[in-house]
């Protein structure tokens, strides 16, 4: 056995990473719900990706998909759904 640390993530680190991802997702969904209030909690949790959100925003608000895509990209600002 060596004194070198293991390269595999330990359970605590994996849990922490999972918790961070869950928190980030909740924050993104809250931002989406704050901007586009016509979405139910279920609809927010069912969103798959940025394109799915843009399609749904376009449909719910009667705007062109290109405009919805721009608005979605601005809101997400590099964050993943």
PDB file of N, CA and C in Angstrom:
ATOM      1  N   UNK A   1       0.842  -1.174   0.000  1.00  0.00           N
ATOM      2  CA  UNK A   1       0.000   0.000   0.000  1.00  0.00           C
ATOM      3  C   UNK A   1       0.886   1.236   0.000  1.00  0.00           C
ATOM      4  N   UNK A   2       0.489   2.239  -0.742  1.00  0.00           N
ATOM      5  CA  UNK A   2       1.283   3.466  -0.830  1.00  0.00           C
ATOM      6  C   UNK A   2       0.634   4.571  -0.023  1.00  0.00           C
ATOM      7  N   UNK A   3       1.394   5.609   0.187  1.00  0.00           N
ATOM      8  CA  UNK A   3       0.879   6.764   0.921  1.00  0.00           C
ATOM      9  C   UNK A   3       0.221   7.785   0.001  1.00  0.00           C
ATOM     10  N   UNK A   4       0.050   7.438  -1.269  1.00  0.00           N
ATOM     11  CA  UNK A   4      -0.547   8.380  -2.214  1.00  0.00           C
ATOM     12  C   UNK A   4      -2.062   8.380  -2.063  1.00  0.00           C
ATOM     13  N   UNK A   5      -2.670   9.550  -2.217  1.00  0.00           N
ATOM     14  CA  UNK A   5      -4.131   9.616  -2.114  1.00  0.00           C
ATOM     15  C   UNK A   5      -4.788   8.921  -3.302  1.00  0.00           C
ATOM     16  N   UNK A   6      -5.948   8.416  -3.077  1.00  0.00           N
ATOM     17  CA  UNK A   6      -6.714   7.761  -4.124  1.00  0.00           C
ATOM     18  C   UNK A   6      -7.175   8.796  -5.145  1.00  0.00           C
ATOM     19  N   UNK A   7      -7.208   8.398  -6.421  1.00  0.00           N
ATOM     20  CA  UNK A   7      -7.676   9.313  -7.457  1.00  0.00           C
ATOM     21  C   UNK A   7      -9.186   9.221  -7.644  1.00  0.00           C
ATOM     22  N   UNK A   8      -9.786   8.173  -7.111  1.00  0.00           N
ATOM     23  CA  UNK A   8     -11.237   8.025  -7.226  1.00  0.00           C
ATOM     24  C   UNK A   8     -11.919   8.952  -6.226  1.00  0.00           C
ATOM     25  N   UNK A   9     -13.018   9.633  -6.646  1.00  0.00           N
ATOM     26  CA  UNK A   9     -13.712  10.514  -5.707  1.00  0.00           C
ATOM     27  C   UNK A   9     -14.337   9.702  -4.575  1.00  0.00           C
ATOM     28  N   UNK A  10     -14.253  10.226  -3.390  1.00  0.00           N
ATOM     29  CA  UNK A  10     -14.868   9.515  -2.269  1.00  0.00           C
ATOM     30  C   UNK A  10     -16.360   9.818  -2.222  1.00  0.00           C
ATOM     31  N   UNK A  11     -17.054   9.106  -1.376  1.00  0.00           N
ATOM     32  CA  UNK A  11     -18.514   9.264  -1.301  1.00  0.00           C
ATOM     33  C   UNK A  11     -18.922  10.666  -0.883  1.00  0.00           C
ATOM     34  N   UNK A  12     -18.178  11.254   0.020  1.00  0.00           N
ATOM     35  CA  UNK A  12     -18.509  12.595   0.491  1.00  0.00           C
ATOM     36  C   UNK A  12     -18.411  13.597  -0.654  1.00  0.00           C
ATOM     37  N   UNK A  13     -17.352  13.494  -1.457  1.00  0.00           N
ATOM     38  CA  UNK A  13     -17.178  14.405  -2.585  1.00  0.00           C
ATOM     39  C   UNK A  13     -18.285  14.193  -3.613  1.00  0.00           C
ATOM     40  N   UNK A  14     -18.637  12.955  -3.909  1.00  0.00           N
ATOM     41  CA  UNK A  14     -19.700  12.668  -4.881  1.00  0.00           C
ATOM     42  C   UNK A  14     -21.024  13.236  -4.396  1.00  0.00           C
ATOM     43  N   UNK A  15     -21.304  13.085  -3.125  1.00  0.00           N
ATOM     44  CA  UNK A  15     -22.540  13.624  -2.563  1.00  0.00           C
ATOM     45  C   UNK A  15     -22.544  15.145  -2.655  1.00  0.00           C
ATOM     46  N   UNK A  16     -21.424  15.746  -2.361  1.00  0.00           N
ATOM     47  CA  UNK A  16     -21.323  17.195  -2.428  1.00  0.00           C
ATOM     48  C   UNK A  16     -21.526  17.683  -3.856  1.00  0.00           C
ATOM     49  N   UNK A  17     -20.935  17.000  -4.832  1.00  0.00           N
ATOM     50  CA  UNK A  17     -21.107  17.377  -6.234  1.00  0.00           C
ATOM     51  C   UNK A  17     -22.567  17.237  -6.646  1.00  0.00           C
ATOM     52  N   UNK A  18     -23.195  16.171  -6.224  1.00  0.00           N
ATOM     53  CA  UNK A  18     -24.610  15.967  -6.531  1.00  0.00           C
ATOM     54  C   UNK A  18     -25.474  17.040  -5.903  1.00  0.00           C
ATOM     55  N   UNK A  19     -25.148  17.421  -4.690  1.00  0.00           N
ATOM     56  CA  UNK A  19     -25.904  18.468  -4.014  1.00  0.00           C
ATOM     57  C   UNK A  19     -25.717  19.809  -4.721  1.00  0.00           C
ATOM     58  N   UNK A  20     -24.506  20.070  -5.202  1.00  0.00           N
ATOM     59  CA  UNK A  20     -24.249  21.311  -5.929  1.00  0.00           C
ATOM     60  C   UNK A  20     -25.062  21.363  -7.210  1.00  0.00           C
ATOM     61  N   UNK A  21     -25.094  20.247  -7.937  1.00  0.00           N
ATOM     62  CA  UNK A  21     -25.861  20.201  -9.182  1.00  0.00           C
ATOM     63  C   UNK A  21     -27.350  20.398  -8.908  1.00  0.00           C
ATOM     64  N   UNK A  22     -27.849  19.775  -7.853  1.00  0.00           N
ATOM     65  CA  UNK A  22     -29.263  19.911  -7.503  1.00  0.00           C
ATOM     66  C   UNK A  22     -29.585  21.355  -7.129  1.00  0.00           C
ATOM     67  N   UNK A  23     -28.720  22.001  -6.396  1.00  0.00           N
ATOM     68  CA  UNK A  23     -28.923  23.397  -6.015  1.00  0.00           C
ATOM     69  C   UNK A  23     -28.893  24.298  -7.250  1.00  0.00           C
ATOM     70  N   UNK A  24     -27.949  24.059  -8.142  1.00  0.00           N
ATOM     71  CA  UNK A  24     -27.863  24.856  -9.364  1.00  0.00           C
ATOM     72  C   UNK A  24     -29.126  24.690 -10.206  1.00  0.00           C
ATOM     73  N   UNK A  25     -29.629  23.461 -10.294  1.00  0.00           N
ATOM     74  CA  UNK A  25     -30.844  23.225 -11.077  1.00  0.00           C
ATOM     75  C   UNK A  25     -32.028  23.953 -10.442  1.00  0.00           C
ATOM     76  N   UNK A  26     -32.157  23.890  -9.122  1.00  0.00           N
ATOM     77  CA  UNK A  26     -33.249  24.599  -8.445  1.00  0.00           C
ATOM     78  C   UNK A  26     -33.161  26.101  -8.693  1.00  0.00           C
ATOM     79  N   UNK A  27     -31.951  26.643  -8.671  1.00  0.00           N
ATOM     80  CA  UNK A  27     -31.765  28.074  -8.908  1.00  0.00           C
ATOM     81  C   UNK A  27     -32.162  28.445 -10.332  1.00  0.00           C
ATOM     82  N   UNK A  28     -31.781  27.614 -11.303  1.00  0.00           N
ATOM     83  CA  UNK A  28     -32.131  27.882 -12.696  1.00  0.00           C
ATOM     84  C   UNK A  28     -33.640  27.798 -12.878  1.00  0.00           C
ATOM     85  N   UNK A  29     -34.262  26.768 -12.321  1.00  0.00           N
ATOM     86  CA  UNK A  29     -35.713  26.625 -12.451  1.00  0.00           C
ATOM     87  C   UNK A  29     -36.450  27.781 -11.773  1.00  0.00           C
ATOM     88  N   UNK A  30     -35.926  28.260 -10.657  1.00  0.00           N
ATOM     89  CA  UNK A  30     -36.539  29.409  -9.977  1.00  0.00           C
ATOM     90  C   UNK A  30     -36.422  30.662 -10.845  1.00  0.00           C
ATOM     91  N   UNK A  31     -35.287  30.838 -11.509  1.00  0.00           N
ATOM     92  CA  UNK A  31     -35.106  31.987 -12.393  1.00  0.00           C
ATOM     93  C   UNK A  31     -36.071  31.906 -13.579  1.00  0.00           C
ATOM     94  N   UNK A  32     -36.246  30.712 -14.120  1.00  0.00           N
ATOM     95  CA  UNK A  32     -37.172  30.519 -15.238  1.00  0.00           C
ATOM     96  C   UNK A  32     -38.600  30.830 -14.781  1.00  0.00           C
ATOM     97  N   UNK A  33     -38.991  30.284 -13.641  1.00  0.00           N
ATOM     98  CA  UNK A  33     -40.332  30.532 -13.113  1.00  0.00           C
ATOM     99  C   UNK A  33     -40.565  31.990 -12.789  1.00  0.00           C
ATOM    100  N   UNK A  34     -39.515  32.675 -12.349  1.00  0.00           N
ATOM    101  CA  UNK A  34     -39.635  34.098 -12.051  1.00  0.00           C
ATOM    102  C   UNK A  34     -39.826  34.942 -13.295  1.00  0.00           C
ATOM    103  N   UNK A  35     -39.185  34.564 -14.366  1.00  0.00           N
ATOM    104  CA  UNK A  35     -39.302  35.322 -15.616  1.00  0.00           C
ATOM    105  C   UNK A  35     -40.563  34.952 -16.383  1.00  0.00           C
ATOM    106  N   UNK A  36     -40.860  33.658 -16.441  1.00  0.00           N
ATOM    107  CA  UNK A  36     -42.012  33.179 -17.202  1.00  0.00           C
ATOM    108  C   UNK A  36     -42.967  32.484 -16.243  1.00  0.00           C
ATOM    109  N   UNK A  37     -43.838  33.243 -15.648  1.00  0.00           N
ATOM    110  CA  UNK A  37     -44.733  32.763 -14.602  1.00  0.00           C
ATOM    111  C   UNK A  37     -45.849  31.842 -15.059  1.00  0.00           C
ATOM    112  N   UNK A  38     -46.007  31.651 -16.361  1.00  0.00           N
ATOM    113  CA  UNK A  38     -47.067  30.767 -16.846  1.00  0.00           C
ATOM    114  C   UNK A  38     -46.709  29.289 -16.717  1.00  0.00           C
ATOM    115  N   UNK A  39     -45.475  28.986 -16.342  1.00  0.00           N
ATOM    116  CA  UNK A  39     -45.060  27.592 -16.191  1.00  0.00           C
ATOM    117  C   UNK A  39     -45.448  27.064 -14.817  1.00  0.00           C
ATOM    118  N   UNK A  40     -46.044  25.889 -14.808  1.00  0.00           N
ATOM    119  CA  UNK A  40     -46.341  25.232 -13.533  1.00  0.00           C
ATOM    120  C   UNK A  40     -45.055  24.587 -13.008  1.00  0.00           C
ATOM    121  N   UNK A  41     -45.070  24.216 -11.758  1.00  0.00           N
ATOM    122  CA  UNK A  41     -43.908  23.529 -11.172  1.00  0.00           C
ATOM    123  C   UNK A  41     -43.611  22.242 -11.928  1.00  0.00           C
ATOM    124  N   UNK A  42     -44.661  21.524 -12.315  1.00  0.00           N
ATOM    125  CA  UNK A  42     -44.481  20.272 -13.054  1.00  0.00           C
ATOM    126  C   UNK A  42     -43.837  20.541 -14.415  1.00  0.00           C
ATOM    127  N   UNK A  43     -44.304  21.563 -15.107  1.00  0.00           N
ATOM    128  CA  UNK A  43     -43.727  21.893 -16.409  1.00  0.00           C
ATOM    129  C   UNK A  43     -42.259  22.279 -16.270  1.00  0.00           C
ATOM    130  N   UNK A  44     -41.932  23.007 -15.230  1.00  0.00           N
ATOM    131  CA  UNK A  44     -40.535  23.370 -14.999  1.00  0.00           C
ATOM    132  C   UNK A  44     -39.675  22.129 -14.760  1.00  0.00           C
ATOM    133  N   UNK A  45     -40.163  21.224 -13.942  1.00  0.00           N
ATOM    134  CA  UNK A  45     -39.362  20.032 -13.645  1.00  0.00           C
ATOM    135  C   UNK A  45     -39.254  19.100 -14.841  1.00  0.00           C
ATOM    136  N   UNK A  46     -40.197  19.210 -15.797  1.00  0.00           N
ATOM    137  CA  UNK A  46     -40.169  18.354 -16.988  1.00  0.00           C
ATOM    138  C   UNK A  46     -39.265  18.884 -18.097  1.00  0.00           C
ATOM    139  N   UNK A  47     -38.757  20.104 -17.947  1.00  0.00           N
ATOM    140  CA  UNK A  47     -37.915  20.675 -18.997  1.00  0.00           C
ATOM    141  C   UNK A  47     -36.676  19.822 -19.211  1.00  0.00           C
ATOM    142  N   UNK A  48     -36.339  19.600 -20.480  1.00  0.00           N
ATOM    143  CA  UNK A  48     -35.216  18.719 -20.809  1.00  0.00           C
ATOM    144  C   UNK A  48     -33.918  19.477 -21.057  1.00  0.00           C
ATOM    145  N   UNK A  49     -34.023  20.594 -21.770  1.00  0.00           N
ATOM    146  CA  UNK A  49     -32.819  21.339 -22.140  1.00  0.00           C
ATOM    147  C   UNK A  49     -33.204  22.748 -22.576  1.00  0.00           C
ATOM    148  N   UNK A  50     -32.217  23.508 -23.000  1.00  0.00           N
ATOM    149  CA  UNK A  50     -32.433  24.902 -23.393  1.00  0.00           C
ATOM    150  C   UNK A  50     -33.393  25.006 -24.583  1.00  0.00           C
ATOM    151  N   UNK A  51     -33.242  24.127 -25.568  1.00  0.00           N
ATOM    152  CA  UNK A  51     -34.112  24.174 -26.741  1.00  0.00           C
ATOM    153  C   UNK A  51     -35.557  23.857 -26.357  1.00  0.00           C
ATOM    154  N   UNK A  52     -35.740  22.877 -25.493  1.00  0.00           N
ATOM    155  CA  UNK A  52     -37.089  22.531 -25.026  1.00  0.00           C
ATOM    156  C   UNK A  52     -37.734  23.738 -24.350  1.00  0.00           C
ATOM    157  N   UNK A  53     -36.976  24.434 -23.525  1.00  0.00           N
ATOM    158  CA  UNK A  53     -37.495  25.628 -22.858  1.00  0.00           C
ATOM    159  C   UNK A  53     -37.878  26.684 -23.887  1.00  0.00           C
ATOM    160  N   UNK A  54     -37.034  26.912 -24.885  1.00  0.00           N
ATOM    161  CA  UNK A  54     -37.325  27.924 -25.901  1.00  0.00           C
ATOM    162  C   UNK A  54     -38.617  27.587 -26.658  1.00  0.00           C
ATOM    163  N   UNK A  55     -38.797  26.322 -26.999  1.00  0.00           N
ATOM    164  CA  UNK A  55     -40.010  25.898 -27.703  1.00  0.00           C
ATOM    165  C   UNK A  55     -41.232  26.160 -26.823  1.00  0.00           C
ATOM    166  N   UNK A  56     -41.130  25.816 -25.555  1.00  0.00           N
ATOM    167  CA  UNK A  56     -42.261  25.999 -24.646  1.00  0.00           C
ATOM    168  C   UNK A  56     -42.558  27.478 -24.389  1.00  0.00           C
ATOM    169  N   UNK A  57     -41.522  28.294 -24.264  1.00  0.00           N
ATOM    170  CA  UNK A  57     -41.721  29.734 -24.064  1.00  0.00           C
ATOM    171  C   UNK A  57     -42.411  30.315 -25.297  1.00  0.00           C
ATOM    172  N   UNK A  58     -41.945  29.933 -26.479  1.00  0.00           N
ATOM    173  CA  UNK A  58     -42.548  30.431 -27.719  1.00  0.00           C
ATOM    174  C   UNK A  58     -44.035  30.072 -27.775  1.00  0.00           C
ATOM    175  N   UNK A  59     -44.356  28.843 -27.421  1.00  0.00           N
ATOM    176  CA  UNK A  59     -45.749  28.390 -27.477  1.00  0.00           C
ATOM    177  C   UNK A  59     -46.612  29.091 -26.425  1.00  0.00           C
ATOM    178  N   UNK A  60     -46.131  29.173 -25.188  1.00  0.00           N
ATOM    179  CA  UNK A  60     -46.933  29.748 -24.103  1.00  0.00           C
ATOM    180  C   UNK A  60     -47.151  31.248 -24.257  1.00  0.00           C
ATOM    181  N   UNK A  61     -46.151  31.929 -24.813  1.00  0.00           N
ATOM    182  CA  UNK A  61     -46.227  33.386 -24.883  1.00  0.00           C
ATOM    183  C   UNK A  61     -46.495  33.904 -26.297  1.00  0.00           C
ATOM    184  N   UNK A  62     -46.668  32.988 -27.249  1.00  0.00           N
ATOM    185  CA  UNK A  62     -47.011  33.392 -28.608  1.00  0.00           C
ATOM    186  C   UNK A  62     -45.949  34.237 -29.289  1.00  0.00           C
ATOM    187  N   UNK A  63     -44.688  33.894 -29.078  1.00  0.00           N
ATOM    188  CA  UNK A  63     -43.602  34.636 -29.719  1.00  0.00           C
ATOM    189  C   UNK A  63     -42.837  33.698 -30.649  1.00  0.00           C
ATOM    190  N   UNK A  64     -42.040  34.269 -31.528  1.00  0.00           N
ATOM    191  CA  UNK A  64     -41.248  33.467 -32.448  1.00  0.00           C
ATOM    192  C   UNK A  64     -40.187  32.690 -31.667  1.00  0.00           C
ATOM    193  N   UNK A  65     -39.878  31.497 -32.192  1.00  0.00           N
ATOM    194  CA  UNK A  65     -38.908  30.649 -31.504  1.00  0.00           C
ATOM    195  C   UNK A  65     -37.541  31.331 -31.411  1.00  0.00           C
ATOM    196  N   UNK A  66     -37.145  32.065 -32.450  1.00  0.00           N
ATOM    197  CA  UNK A  66     -35.844  32.735 -32.423  1.00  0.00           C
ATOM    198  C   UNK A  66     -35.764  33.750 -31.287  1.00  0.00           C
ATOM    199  N   UNK A  67     -36.846  34.452 -31.050  1.00  0.00           N
ATOM    200  CA  UNK A  67     -36.879  35.425 -29.950  1.00  0.00           C
ATOM    201  C   UNK A  67     -36.845  34.698 -28.616  1.00  0.00           C
ATOM    202  N   UNK A  68     -37.602  33.603 -28.522  1.00  0.00           N
ATOM    203  CA  UNK A  68     -37.601  32.807 -27.296  1.00  0.00           C
ATOM    204  C   UNK A  68     -36.210  32.237 -27.029  1.00  0.00           C
ATOM    205  N   UNK A  69     -35.539  31.768 -28.074  1.00  0.00           N
ATOM    206  CA  UNK A  69     -34.187  31.217 -27.903  1.00  0.00           C
ATOM    207  C   UNK A  69     -33.229  32.279 -27.377  1.00  0.00           C
ATOM    208  N   UNK A  70     -33.338  33.483 -27.899  1.00  0.00           N
ATOM    209  CA  UNK A  70     -32.476  34.576 -27.433  1.00  0.00           C
ATOM    210  C   UNK A  70     -32.747  34.885 -25.965  1.00  0.00           C
ATOM    211  N   UNK A  71     -34.037  34.974 -25.611  1.00  0.00           N
ATOM    212  CA  UNK A  71     -34.408  35.269 -24.222  1.00  0.00           C
ATOM    213  C   UNK A  71     -33.958  34.166 -23.273  1.00  0.00           C
ATOM    214  N   UNK A  72     -34.105  32.925 -23.700  1.00  0.00           N
ATOM    215  CA  UNK A  72     -33.689  31.773 -22.877  1.00  0.00           C
ATOM    216  C   UNK A  72     -32.175  31.810 -22.687  1.00  0.00           C
ATOM    217  N   UNK A  73     -31.435  32.033 -23.775  1.00  0.00           N
ATOM    218  CA  UNK A  73     -29.965  32.086 -23.681  1.00  0.00           C
ATOM    219  C   UNK A  73     -29.527  33.203 -22.742  1.00  0.00           C
ATOM    220  N   UNK A  74     -30.203  34.336 -22.828  1.00  0.00           N
ATOM    221  CA  UNK A  74     -29.865  35.465 -21.927  1.00  0.00           C
ATOM    222  C   UNK A  74     -30.116  35.090 -20.470  1.00  0.00           C
ATOM    223  N   UNK A  75     -31.233  34.437 -20.210  1.00  0.00           N
ATOM    224  CA  UNK A  75     -31.562  34.065 -18.829  1.00  0.00           C
ATOM    225  C   UNK A  75     -30.590  33.003 -18.292  1.00  0.00           C
ATOM    226  N   UNK A  76     -30.338  31.982 -19.093  1.00  0.00           N
ATOM    227  CA  UNK A  76     -29.482  30.893 -18.632  1.00  0.00           C
ATOM    228  C   UNK A  76     -28.027  31.330 -18.532  1.00  0.00           C
ATOM    229  N   UNK A  77     -27.603  32.202 -19.427  1.00  0.00           N
ATOM    230  CA  UNK A  77     -26.254  32.759 -19.371  1.00  0.00           C
ATOM    231  C   UNK A  77     -25.177  31.693 -19.119  1.00  0.00           C
ATOM    232  N   UNK A  78     -25.214  30.630 -19.926  1.00  0.00           N
ATOM    233  CA  UNK A  78     -24.209  29.580 -19.816  1.00  0.00           C
ATOM    234  C   UNK A  78     -24.522  28.496 -18.797  1.00  0.00           C
ATOM    235  N   UNK A  79     -25.578  28.662 -18.032  1.00  0.00           N
ATOM    236  CA  UNK A  79     -25.951  27.634 -17.047  1.00  0.00           C
ATOM    237  C   UNK A  79     -26.734  26.533 -17.749  1.00  0.00           C
ATOM    238  N   UNK A  80     -26.589  25.323 -17.282  1.00  0.00           N
ATOM    239  CA  UNK A  80     -27.316  24.195 -17.850  1.00  0.00           C
ATOM    240  C   UNK A  80     -28.632  23.992 -17.131  1.00  0.00           C
ATOM    241  N   UNK A  81     -29.570  23.437 -17.862  1.00  0.00           N
ATOM    242  CA  UNK A  81     -30.854  23.082 -17.270  1.00  0.00           C
ATOM    243  C   UNK A  81     -30.755  21.759 -16.566  1.00  0.00           C
TER     244      UNK A  81
END
